[in-house]
Amino acid sequence: MLVLNCSTKLLILEKMLKSCFPESLKVYGAVMNINRGNPFQKEVVLDSWPDFKAVITRRQREAETDNLDHYTNAYAVFYKDVRAYRQLLEECDVFNWNQVFQIQGLQSELYDVSKAVANSKQLNVKLTSFKAVHLSPVSTLPDTSFLKGPFPRLTYLSVAEADLLNRTWSRGGNEQCLRYIANLIACFPSVCVRDEKGNPVSWSITDQFATMCHGYTLPEHRRKGYSRLVALTLARKLQSRGFPSQGNVLDDNTASISLLKSLHAEFLPCRFHRLILTPATFSGLPHL
């Protein structure tokens, strides 16, 4: 195992990962954030350098952590040889097996290999699989002509609104998610539409892997074009900073899939896999 701390090598790694799209997208997004101030306190672990066969991004060991916070305790994985990834899994100090955490990646063997090692350590593994998508470059500003008058207004979210997002996210509703969303809003780009009272009615945020997520419009404000406007604006904001505009969508989320098709998003040949791993000590907790 090698922890890559050299800023020059991290920039080289970023370029190397870009040549391995789309499977490397999650790790690439995390490495881009590391190279741009590292607001989420991440670090990179590889099997070797420069001819690596597996690379993992994880929370820095010295960063403050909550053992129940699988949102923040998140690892992104990319490998050229799945055996190298398994070897990193089996090393004692790469993953923290004493906390609830998640593993993300875009490669088909990720689940089986991770589950085999996790089961040997008596951890439960929950898999959720998504369609992976990429939005083409947004060359022009999205049409905002239908936003007449001072409101509705297109802007960004504030940390004070994390509670609203926590309550409306299918993955949320708990203390760990509230803190995680607040950190995402503080660290990464977001977009929202506000009503005449200044309250958010439609929004999307960016996660620690530079993925567009939690796109949501309040039910009473749907079918007004807000979701399309928010998605295009956030995609353009990410692209203007050099980031890919990537996202994930569940197979049964027909409304979001229709929206993405209308935006001419590319549905990638690989799938996005999110694994939540829970030690027996924490099994049975309601939000896990």
C-alpha atoms as a PDB file:
ATOM      1  CA  MET A   1       0.000   0.000   0.000  1.00  0.00           C
ATOM      2  CA  LEU A   2       1.165   3.505  -0.841  1.00  0.00           C
ATOM      3  CA  VAL A   3      -0.439   6.793   0.251  1.00  0.00           C
ATOM      4  CA  LEU A   4       0.133   9.357  -2.500  1.00  0.00           C
ATOM      5  CA  ASN A   5       0.789  12.745  -0.902  1.00  0.00           C
ATOM      6  CA  CYS A   6       2.993  14.474  -3.485  1.00  0.00           C
ATOM      7  CA  SER A   7       1.033  17.277  -5.203  1.00  0.00           C
ATOM      8  CA  THR A   8       2.910  16.778  -8.484  1.00  0.00           C
ATOM      9  CA  LYS A   9       2.152  13.049  -8.513  1.00  0.00           C
ATOM     10  CA  LEU A  10      -1.491  13.708  -7.678  1.00  0.00           C
ATOM     11  CA  LEU A  11      -1.783  15.950 -10.734  1.00  0.00           C
ATOM     12  CA  ILE A  12      -0.177  13.239 -12.842  1.00  0.00           C
ATOM     13  CA  LEU A  13      -2.627  10.713 -11.403  1.00  0.00           C
ATOM     14  CA  GLU A  14      -5.523  12.990 -12.354  1.00  0.00           C
ATOM     15  CA  LYS A  15      -4.397  12.949 -15.978  1.00  0.00           C
ATOM     16  CA  MET A  16      -3.864   9.189 -15.893  1.00  0.00           C
ATOM     17  CA  LEU A  17      -7.369   8.598 -14.546  1.00  0.00           C
ATOM     18  CA  LYS A  18      -8.868  10.787 -17.262  1.00  0.00           C
ATOM     19  CA  SER A  19      -7.587   8.308 -19.838  1.00  0.00           C
ATOM     20  CA  CYS A  20      -9.551   5.528 -18.098  1.00  0.00           C
ATOM     21  CA  PHE A  21     -13.055   6.987 -18.415  1.00  0.00           C
ATOM     22  CA  PRO A  22     -15.784   6.105 -17.713  1.00  0.00           C
ATOM     23  CA  GLU A  23     -14.844   3.458 -15.124  1.00  0.00           C
ATOM     24  CA  SER A  24     -12.505   5.851 -13.291  1.00  0.00           C
ATOM     25  CA  LEU A  25     -14.999   8.731 -13.000  1.00  0.00           C
ATOM     26  CA  LYS A  26     -15.655   8.479  -9.244  1.00  0.00           C
ATOM     27  CA  VAL A  27     -11.991   8.305  -8.293  1.00  0.00           C
ATOM     28  CA  TYR A  28     -11.197  11.006 -10.842  1.00  0.00           C
ATOM     29  CA  GLY A  29     -13.759  13.366  -9.285  1.00  0.00           C
ATOM     30  CA  ALA A  30     -12.357  12.780  -5.805  1.00  0.00           C
ATOM     31  CA  VAL A  31      -8.773  13.329  -6.998  1.00  0.00           C
ATOM     32  CA  MET A  32      -9.797  16.557  -8.750  1.00  0.00           C
ATOM     33  CA  ASN A  33     -11.201  17.821  -5.453  1.00  0.00           C
ATOM     34  CA  ILE A  34      -8.014  16.793  -3.624  1.00  0.00           C
ATOM     35  CA  ASN A  35      -5.991  18.771  -6.148  1.00  0.00           C
ATOM     36  CA  ARG A  36      -8.214  21.834  -5.692  1.00  0.00           C
ATOM     37  CA  GLY A  37      -7.951  22.485  -1.991  1.00  0.00           C
ATOM     38  CA  ASN A  38      -9.119  19.102  -0.686  1.00  0.00           C
ATOM     39  CA  PRO A  39     -12.186  20.494   1.116  1.00  0.00           C
ATOM     40  CA  PHE A  40     -13.418  17.025   2.098  1.00  0.00           C
ATOM     41  CA  GLN A  41     -10.099  15.870   3.607  1.00  0.00           C
ATOM     42  CA  LYS A  42      -9.489  12.965   1.231  1.00  0.00           C
ATOM     43  CA  GLU A  43      -6.341  11.025   0.382  1.00  0.00           C
ATOM     44  CA  VAL A  44      -5.260   8.527  -2.269  1.00  0.00           C
ATOM     45  CA  VAL A  45      -4.114   4.944  -1.685  1.00  0.00           C
ATOM     46  CA  LEU A  46      -2.540   2.859  -4.455  1.00  0.00           C
ATOM     47  CA  ASP A  47      -0.947  -0.547  -4.760  1.00  0.00           C
ATOM     48  CA  SER A  48       2.109   0.981  -6.475  1.00  0.00           C
ATOM     49  CA  TRP A  49       3.328   4.048  -8.340  1.00  0.00           C
ATOM     50  CA  PRO A  50       3.434   5.035 -11.164  1.00  0.00           C
ATOM     51  CA  ASP A  51       2.296   1.735 -12.687  1.00  0.00           C
ATOM     52  CA  PHE A  52      -0.673   1.286 -10.369  1.00  0.00           C
ATOM     53  CA  LYS A  53      -3.230  -1.479 -10.797  1.00  0.00           C
ATOM     54  CA  ALA A  54      -5.684  -0.227  -8.165  1.00  0.00           C
ATOM     55  CA  VAL A  55      -6.408   3.189  -6.664  1.00  0.00           C
ATOM     56  CA  ILE A  56      -8.701   4.103  -3.776  1.00  0.00           C
ATOM     57  CA  THR A  57      -9.716   7.485  -2.365  1.00  0.00           C
ATOM     58  CA  ARG A  58     -10.646   7.606   1.301  1.00  0.00           C
ATOM     59  CA  ARG A  59     -11.086   9.989   4.212  1.00  0.00           C
ATOM     60  CA  GLN A  60      -7.787  11.125   5.706  1.00  0.00           C
ATOM     61  CA  ARG A  61      -7.024   9.130   8.833  1.00  0.00           C
ATOM     62  CA  GLU A  62      -6.501  12.295  10.893  1.00  0.00           C
ATOM     63  CA  ALA A  63      -9.883  13.751   9.869  1.00  0.00           C
ATOM     64  CA  GLU A  64     -12.674  13.799  12.424  1.00  0.00           C
ATOM     65  CA  THR A  65     -15.033  10.885  11.892  1.00  0.00           C
ATOM     66  CA  ASP A  66     -18.340   9.441  13.059  1.00  0.00           C
ATOM     67  CA  ASN A  67     -18.426   5.647  12.939  1.00  0.00           C
ATOM     68  CA  LEU A  68     -22.095   5.711  11.884  1.00  0.00           C
ATOM     69  CA  ASP A  69     -21.610   8.222   9.064  1.00  0.00           C
ATOM     70  CA  HIS A  70     -21.431   6.086   5.930  1.00  0.00           C
ATOM     71  CA  TYR A  71     -22.099   9.202   3.840  1.00  0.00           C
ATOM     72  CA  THR A  72     -18.754  10.776   4.769  1.00  0.00           C
ATOM     73  CA  ASN A  73     -16.886   7.509   5.381  1.00  0.00           C
ATOM     74  CA  ALA A  74     -16.849   6.816   1.649  1.00  0.00           C
ATOM     75  CA  TYR A  75     -14.253   5.141  -0.555  1.00  0.00           C
ATOM     76  CA  ALA A  76     -14.083   5.404  -4.349  1.00  0.00           C
ATOM     77  CA  VAL A  77     -12.397   2.560  -6.221  1.00  0.00           C
ATOM     78  CA  PHE A  78     -10.866   2.087  -9.644  1.00  0.00           C
ATOM     79  CA  TYR A  79      -8.722  -0.849 -10.667  1.00  0.00           C
ATOM     80  CA  LYS A  80      -6.969  -2.126 -13.748  1.00  0.00           C
ATOM     81  CA  ASP A  81      -6.536  -5.536 -12.132  1.00  0.00           C
ATOM     82  CA  VAL A  82      -9.218  -6.685  -9.705  1.00  0.00           C
ATOM     83  CA  ARG A  83      -6.660  -8.854  -7.894  1.00  0.00           C
ATOM     84  CA  ALA A  84      -4.750  -5.718  -6.907  1.00  0.00           C
ATOM     85  CA  TYR A  85      -7.965  -4.238  -5.496  1.00  0.00           C
ATOM     86  CA  ARG A  86      -8.633  -7.390  -3.496  1.00  0.00           C
ATOM     87  CA  GLN A  87      -5.114  -7.256  -2.093  1.00  0.00           C
ATOM     88  CA  LEU A  88      -5.719  -3.688  -0.899  1.00  0.00           C
ATOM     89  CA  LEU A  89      -9.011  -4.805   0.632  1.00  0.00           C
ATOM     90  CA  GLU A  90      -7.216  -7.515   2.572  1.00  0.00           C
ATOM     91  CA  GLU A  91      -4.500  -5.230   3.921  1.00  0.00           C
ATOM     92  CA  CYS A  92      -5.239  -4.260   7.511  1.00  0.00           C
ATOM     93  CA  ASP A  93      -4.881  -0.466   7.271  1.00  0.00           C
ATOM     94  CA  VAL A  94      -6.517   0.524   3.970  1.00  0.00           C
ATOM     95  CA  PHE A  95     -10.181   0.325   5.066  1.00  0.00           C
ATOM     96  CA  ASN A  96     -11.598   1.032   8.510  1.00  0.00           C
ATOM     97  CA  TRP A  97     -13.664  -2.112   9.105  1.00  0.00           C
ATOM     98  CA  ASN A  98     -14.805  -0.925  12.552  1.00  0.00           C
ATOM     99  CA  GLN A  99     -17.176   1.712  11.196  1.00  0.00           C
ATOM    100  CA  VAL A 100     -20.119   1.870   8.826  1.00  0.00           C
ATOM    101  CA  PHE A 101     -18.815   2.965   5.426  1.00  0.00           C
ATOM    102  CA  GLN A 102     -19.511   2.873   1.727  1.00  0.00           C
ATOM    103  CA  ILE A 103     -17.572   1.855  -1.354  1.00  0.00           C
ATOM    104  CA  GLN A 104     -18.367   3.397  -4.743  1.00  0.00           C
ATOM    105  CA  GLY A 105     -17.261   2.410  -8.200  1.00  0.00           C
ATOM    106  CA  LEU A 106     -18.215   1.756 -11.795  1.00  0.00           C
ATOM    107  CA  GLN A 107     -16.805  -1.749 -12.336  1.00  0.00           C
ATOM    108  CA  SER A 108     -18.713  -5.004 -12.385  1.00  0.00           C
ATOM    109  CA  GLU A 109     -16.499  -7.067 -10.060  1.00  0.00           C
ATOM    110  CA  LEU A 110     -16.597  -4.448  -7.299  1.00  0.00           C
ATOM    111  CA  TYR A 111     -19.501  -5.987  -5.402  1.00  0.00           C
ATOM    112  CA  ASP A 112     -18.449  -9.635  -5.431  1.00  0.00           C
ATOM    113  CA  VAL A 113     -14.859  -8.956  -4.415  1.00  0.00           C
ATOM    114  CA  SER A 114     -15.789  -6.422  -1.717  1.00  0.00           C
ATOM    115  CA  LYS A 115     -18.520  -8.684  -0.332  1.00  0.00           C
ATOM    116  CA  ALA A 116     -16.235 -11.712  -0.116  1.00  0.00           C
ATOM    117  CA  VAL A 117     -13.692  -9.831   1.998  1.00  0.00           C
ATOM    118  CA  ALA A 118     -16.348  -8.033   4.051  1.00  0.00           C
ATOM    119  CA  ASN A 119     -18.150 -11.283   4.872  1.00  0.00           C
ATOM    120  CA  SER A 120     -14.897 -12.774   6.127  1.00  0.00           C
ATOM    121  CA  LYS A 121     -14.790  -9.872   8.586  1.00  0.00           C
ATOM    122  CA  GLN A 122     -18.480 -10.306   9.594  1.00  0.00           C
ATOM    123  CA  LEU A 123     -19.744  -7.145   7.912  1.00  0.00           C
ATOM    124  CA  ASN A 124     -23.099  -6.902   6.184  1.00  0.00           C
ATOM    125  CA  VAL A 125     -23.016  -5.509   2.631  1.00  0.00           C
ATOM    126  CA  LYS A 126     -25.948  -3.687   1.022  1.00  0.00           C
ATOM    127  CA  LEU A 127     -25.700  -3.027  -2.722  1.00  0.00           C
ATOM    128  CA  THR A 128     -27.561  -0.387  -4.696  1.00  0.00           C
ATOM    129  CA  SER A 129     -26.941  -0.216  -8.438  1.00  0.00           C
ATOM    130  CA  PHE A 130     -27.703   2.751 -10.715  1.00  0.00           C
ATOM    131  CA  LYS A 131     -27.535   3.821 -14.312  1.00  0.00           C
ATOM    132  CA  ALA A 132     -24.457   6.017 -14.719  1.00  0.00           C
ATOM    133  CA  VAL A 133     -24.855   9.146 -16.835  1.00  0.00           C
ATOM    134  CA  HIS A 134     -22.718  11.934 -18.242  1.00  0.00           C
ATOM    135  CA  LEU A 135     -24.018  15.266 -19.513  1.00  0.00           C
ATOM    136  CA  SER A 136     -22.515  16.705 -22.667  1.00  0.00           C
ATOM    137  CA  PRO A 137     -20.815  20.114 -22.461  1.00  0.00           C
ATOM    138  CA  VAL A 138     -23.343  22.918 -21.948  1.00  0.00           C
ATOM    139  CA  SER A 139     -21.993  25.590 -24.298  1.00  0.00           C
ATOM    140  CA  THR A 140     -24.640  28.253 -23.699  1.00  0.00           C
ATOM    141  CA  LEU A 141     -26.452  29.574 -20.661  1.00  0.00           C
ATOM    142  CA  PRO A 142     -29.716  27.726 -19.974  1.00  0.00           C
ATOM    143  CA  ASP A 143     -32.897  29.599 -20.918  1.00  0.00           C
ATOM    144  CA  THR A 144     -34.184  31.529 -17.907  1.00  0.00           C
ATOM    145  CA  SER A 145     -36.724  33.670 -19.766  1.00  0.00           C
ATOM    146  CA  PHE A 146     -39.623  31.900 -18.061  1.00  0.00           C
ATOM    147  CA  LEU A 147     -38.390  33.182 -14.691  1.00  0.00           C
ATOM    148  CA  LYS A 148     -40.318  36.443 -14.892  1.00  0.00           C
ATOM    149  CA  GLY A 149     -39.741  39.198 -12.364  1.00  0.00           C
ATOM    150  CA  PRO A 150     -37.460  38.987  -9.315  1.00  0.00           C
ATOM    151  CA  PHE A 151     -38.943  35.587  -8.373  1.00  0.00           C
ATOM    152  CA  PRO A 152     -38.646  32.716  -8.988  1.00  0.00           C
ATOM    153  CA  ARG A 153     -34.888  33.294  -8.831  1.00  0.00           C
ATOM    154  CA  LEU A 154     -32.010  31.046  -9.868  1.00  0.00           C
ATOM    155  CA  THR A 155     -29.254  30.955  -7.247  1.00  0.00           C
ATOM    156  CA  TYR A 156     -27.418  28.532  -4.942  1.00  0.00           C
ATOM    157  CA  LEU A 157     -28.078  26.857  -1.600  1.00  0.00           C
ATOM    158  CA  SER A 158     -26.883  27.869   1.845  1.00  0.00           C
ATOM    159  CA  VAL A 159     -25.841  25.573   4.688  1.00  0.00           C
ATOM    160  CA  ALA A 160     -28.900  26.759   6.642  1.00  0.00           C
ATOM    161  CA  GLU A 161     -31.057  24.848   4.122  1.00  0.00           C
ATOM    162  CA  ALA A 162     -29.425  21.466   4.754  1.00  0.00           C
ATOM    163  CA  ASP A 163     -32.369  20.403   6.928  1.00  0.00           C
ATOM    164  CA  LEU A 164     -34.799  20.770   4.008  1.00  0.00           C
ATOM    165  CA  LEU A 165     -32.575  18.603   1.810  1.00  0.00           C
ATOM    166  CA  ASN A 166     -32.148  16.035   4.575  1.00  0.00           C
ATOM    167  CA  ARG A 167     -35.931  15.731   4.948  1.00  0.00           C
ATOM    168  CA  THR A 168     -36.565  15.365   1.214  1.00  0.00           C
ATOM    169  CA  TRP A 169     -33.722  12.980   0.294  1.00  0.00           C
ATOM    170  CA  SER A 170     -34.667   9.317   0.084  1.00  0.00           C
ATOM    171  CA  ARG A 171     -31.288   8.500   1.673  1.00  0.00           C
ATOM    172  CA  GLY A 172     -31.663  11.108   4.404  1.00  0.00           C
ATOM    173  CA  GLY A 173     -33.673  11.812   7.512  1.00  0.00           C
ATOM    174  CA  ASN A 174     -30.925  11.350  10.078  1.00  0.00           C
ATOM    175  CA  GLU A 175     -28.246  13.314  11.914  1.00  0.00           C
ATOM    176  CA  GLN A 176     -25.353  11.941   9.851  1.00  0.00           C
ATOM    177  CA  CYS A 177     -26.992  12.851   6.544  1.00  0.00           C
ATOM    178  CA  LEU A 178     -27.840  16.349   7.795  1.00  0.00           C
ATOM    179  CA  ARG A 179     -24.212  17.007   8.671  1.00  0.00           C
ATOM    180  CA  TYR A 180     -23.028  15.482   5.385  1.00  0.00           C
ATOM    181  CA  ILE A 181     -25.360  17.614   3.254  1.00  0.00           C
ATOM    182  CA  ALA A 182     -24.323  20.756   5.135  1.00  0.00           C
ATOM    183  CA  ASN A 183     -20.696  19.944   4.350  1.00  0.00           C
ATOM    184  CA  LEU A 184     -21.477  19.327   0.669  1.00  0.00           C
ATOM    185  CA  ILE A 185     -23.256  22.671   0.385  1.00  0.00           C
ATOM    186  CA  ALA A 186     -20.328  24.406   2.101  1.00  0.00           C
ATOM    187  CA  CYS A 187     -17.660  22.754  -0.047  1.00  0.00           C
ATOM    188  CA  PHE A 188     -19.071  22.152  -3.522  1.00  0.00           C
ATOM    189  CA  PRO A 189     -21.246  23.793  -6.212  1.00  0.00           C
ATOM    190  CA  SER A 190     -25.029  23.788  -5.830  1.00  0.00           C
ATOM    191  CA  VAL A 191     -27.931  25.336  -7.731  1.00  0.00           C
ATOM    192  CA  CYS A 192     -31.484  26.108  -6.643  1.00  0.00           C
ATOM    193  CA  VAL A 193     -34.614  27.979  -7.669  1.00  0.00           C
ATOM    194  CA  ARG A 194     -36.164  30.159  -4.932  1.00  0.00           C
ATOM    195  CA  ASP A 195     -39.779  31.283  -4.654  1.00  0.00           C
ATOM    196  CA  GLU A 196     -41.072  34.741  -3.766  1.00  0.00           C
ATOM    197  CA  LYS A 197     -40.373  34.069  -0.069  1.00  0.00           C
ATOM    198  CA  GLY A 198     -36.773  33.164  -0.827  1.00  0.00           C
ATOM    199  CA  ASN A 199     -37.273  29.480  -0.072  1.00  0.00           C
ATOM    200  CA  PRO A 200     -35.697  26.774  -2.266  1.00  0.00           C
ATOM    201  CA  VAL A 201     -38.269  24.897  -4.368  1.00  0.00           C
ATOM    202  CA  SER A 202     -35.937  23.014  -6.747  1.00  0.00           C
ATOM    203  CA  TRP A 203     -32.261  22.135  -6.347  1.00  0.00           C
ATOM    204  CA  SER A 204     -29.278  19.901  -7.004  1.00  0.00           C
ATOM    205  CA  ILE A 205     -25.941  19.582  -5.205  1.00  0.00           C
ATOM    206  CA  THR A 206     -22.512  18.077  -5.865  1.00  0.00           C
ATOM    207  CA  ASP A 207     -20.958  15.327  -3.765  1.00  0.00           C
ATOM    208  CA  GLN A 208     -17.390  14.511  -2.713  1.00  0.00           C
ATOM    209  CA  PHE A 209     -16.805  12.599  -5.972  1.00  0.00           C
ATOM    210  CA  ALA A 210     -17.894  15.556  -8.129  1.00  0.00           C
ATOM    211  CA  THR A 211     -21.185  13.802  -8.875  1.00  0.00           C
ATOM    212  CA  MET A 212     -24.413  15.754  -9.339  1.00  0.00           C
ATOM    213  CA  CYS A 213     -26.881  14.404  -6.766  1.00  0.00           C
ATOM    214  CA  HIS A 214     -30.097  14.988  -4.817  1.00  0.00           C
ATOM    215  CA  GLY A 215     -31.873  16.649  -7.705  1.00  0.00           C
ATOM    216  CA  TYR A 216     -35.302  17.433  -6.279  1.00  0.00           C
ATOM    217  CA  THR A 217     -38.282  19.705  -6.858  1.00  0.00           C
ATOM    218  CA  LEU A 218     -41.022  20.188  -4.272  1.00  0.00           C
ATOM    219  CA  PRO A 219     -44.210  18.464  -5.535  1.00  0.00           C
ATOM    220  CA  GLU A 220     -46.243  21.670  -5.786  1.00  0.00           C
ATOM    221  CA  HIS A 221     -43.594  23.237  -8.060  1.00  0.00           C
ATOM    222  CA  ARG A 222     -43.124  20.417 -10.545  1.00  0.00           C
ATOM    223  CA  ARG A 223     -43.785  20.629 -14.295  1.00  0.00           C
ATOM    224  CA  LYS A 224     -42.516  24.203 -14.433  1.00  0.00           C
ATOM    225  CA  GLY A 225     -39.134  23.472 -16.044  1.00  0.00           C
ATOM    226  CA  TYR A 226     -37.182  23.984 -12.826  1.00  0.00           C
ATOM    227  CA  SER A 227     -35.487  20.557 -12.778  1.00  0.00           C
ATOM    228  CA  ARG A 228     -34.178  21.020 -16.305  1.00  0.00           C
ATOM    229  CA  LEU A 229     -32.904  24.511 -15.522  1.00  0.00           C
ATOM    230  CA  VAL A 230     -31.197  23.387 -12.306  1.00  0.00           C
ATOM    231  CA  ALA A 231     -29.536  20.356 -13.943  1.00  0.00           C
ATOM    232  CA  LEU A 232     -28.193  22.335 -16.903  1.00  0.00           C
ATOM    233  CA  THR A 233     -26.976  25.181 -14.708  1.00  0.00           C
ATOM    234  CA  LEU A 234     -25.143  22.864 -12.295  1.00  0.00           C
ATOM    235  CA  ALA A 235     -23.640  20.888 -15.186  1.00  0.00           C
ATOM    236  CA  ARG A 236     -22.370  24.101 -16.749  1.00  0.00           C
ATOM    237  CA  LYS A 237     -20.985  25.297 -13.410  1.00  0.00           C
ATOM    238  CA  LEU A 238     -19.030  22.045 -12.970  1.00  0.00           C
ATOM    239  CA  GLN A 239     -17.796  22.070 -16.557  1.00  0.00           C
ATOM    240  CA  SER A 240     -16.598  25.663 -16.211  1.00  0.00           C
ATOM    241  CA  ARG A 241     -14.335  24.459 -13.383  1.00  0.00           C
ATOM    242  CA  GLY A 242     -12.985  21.575 -15.436  1.00  0.00           C
ATOM    243  CA  PHE A 243     -15.076  18.844 -13.810  1.00  0.00           C
ATOM    244  CA  PRO A 244     -17.069  16.230 -15.709  1.00  0.00           C
ATOM    245  CA  SER A 245     -20.844  16.540 -15.234  1.00  0.00           C
ATOM    246  CA  GLN A 246     -21.725  13.059 -14.060  1.00  0.00           C
ATOM    247  CA  GLY A 247     -24.683  11.586 -12.229  1.00  0.00           C
ATOM    248  CA  ASN A 248     -26.472   8.405 -11.212  1.00  0.00           C
ATOM    249  CA  VAL A 249     -30.124   7.428 -11.503  1.00  0.00           C
ATOM    250  CA  LEU A 250     -32.084   4.432 -10.240  1.00  0.00           C
ATOM    251  CA  ASP A 251     -33.640   2.219 -12.912  1.00  0.00           C
ATOM    252  CA  ASP A 252     -37.176   2.858 -11.652  1.00  0.00           C
ATOM    253  CA  ASN A 253     -36.815   6.656 -11.456  1.00  0.00           C
ATOM    254  CA  THR A 254     -38.672   7.196 -14.713  1.00  0.00           C
ATOM    255  CA  ALA A 255     -39.128  10.957 -14.233  1.00  0.00           C
ATOM    256  CA  SER A 256     -35.397  11.575 -13.850  1.00  0.00           C
ATOM    257  CA  ILE A 257     -34.568   9.227 -16.725  1.00  0.00           C
ATOM    258  CA  SER A 258     -36.984  11.117 -18.983  1.00  0.00           C
ATOM    259  CA  LEU A 259     -35.423  14.427 -17.931  1.00  0.00           C
ATOM    260  CA  LEU A 260     -31.913  13.125 -18.634  1.00  0.00           C
ATOM    261  CA  LYS A 261     -32.959  11.865 -22.062  1.00  0.00           C
ATOM    262  CA  SER A 262     -34.431  15.269 -22.870  1.00  0.00           C
ATOM    263  CA  LEU A 263     -31.054  16.783 -21.948  1.00  0.00           C
ATOM    264  CA  HIS A 264     -29.354  14.321 -24.333  1.00  0.00           C
ATOM    265  CA  ALA A 265     -27.371  12.836 -21.445  1.00  0.00           C
ATOM    266  CA  GLU A 266     -25.157   9.881 -22.258  1.00  0.00           C
ATOM    267  CA  PHE A 267     -26.093   6.694 -20.398  1.00  0.00           C
ATOM    268  CA  LEU A 268     -22.730   5.041 -19.810  1.00  0.00           C
ATOM    269  CA  PRO A 269     -22.056   1.369 -20.615  1.00  0.00           C
ATOM    270  CA  CYS A 270     -20.943   0.725 -17.026  1.00  0.00           C
ATOM    271  CA  ARG A 271     -23.189   0.904 -13.948  1.00  0.00           C
ATOM    272  CA  PHE A 272     -22.615   2.791 -10.739  1.00  0.00           C
ATOM    273  CA  HIS A 273     -22.437   0.568  -7.654  1.00  0.00           C
ATOM    274  CA  ARG A 274     -22.769   1.821  -4.072  1.00  0.00           C
ATOM    275  CA  LEU A 275     -22.024  -0.640  -1.294  1.00  0.00           C
ATOM    276  CA  ILE A 276     -22.833   0.162   2.333  1.00  0.00           C
ATOM    277  CA  LEU A 277     -20.849  -2.016   4.728  1.00  0.00           C
ATOM    278  CA  THR A 278     -21.993  -2.396   8.316  1.00  0.00           C
ATOM    279  CA  PRO A 279     -20.130  -4.174  11.145  1.00  0.00           C
ATOM    280  CA  ALA A 280     -22.239  -6.488  13.285  1.00  0.00           C
ATOM    281  CA  THR A 281     -21.840  -4.009  16.162  1.00  0.00           C
ATOM    282  CA  PHE A 282     -24.013  -1.477  14.331  1.00  0.00           C
ATOM    283  CA  SER A 283     -26.472  -3.791  12.563  1.00  0.00           C
ATOM    284  CA  GLY A 284     -30.147  -3.065  13.155  1.00  0.00           C
ATOM    285  CA  LEU A 285     -29.811   0.694  13.421  1.00  0.00           C
ATOM    286  CA  PRO A 286     -32.799   2.254  11.607  1.00  0.00           C
ATOM    287  CA  HIS A 287     -31.011   4.526   9.091  1.00  0.00           C
ATOM    288  CA  LEU A 288     -28.441   1.958   7.905  1.00  0.00           C
END
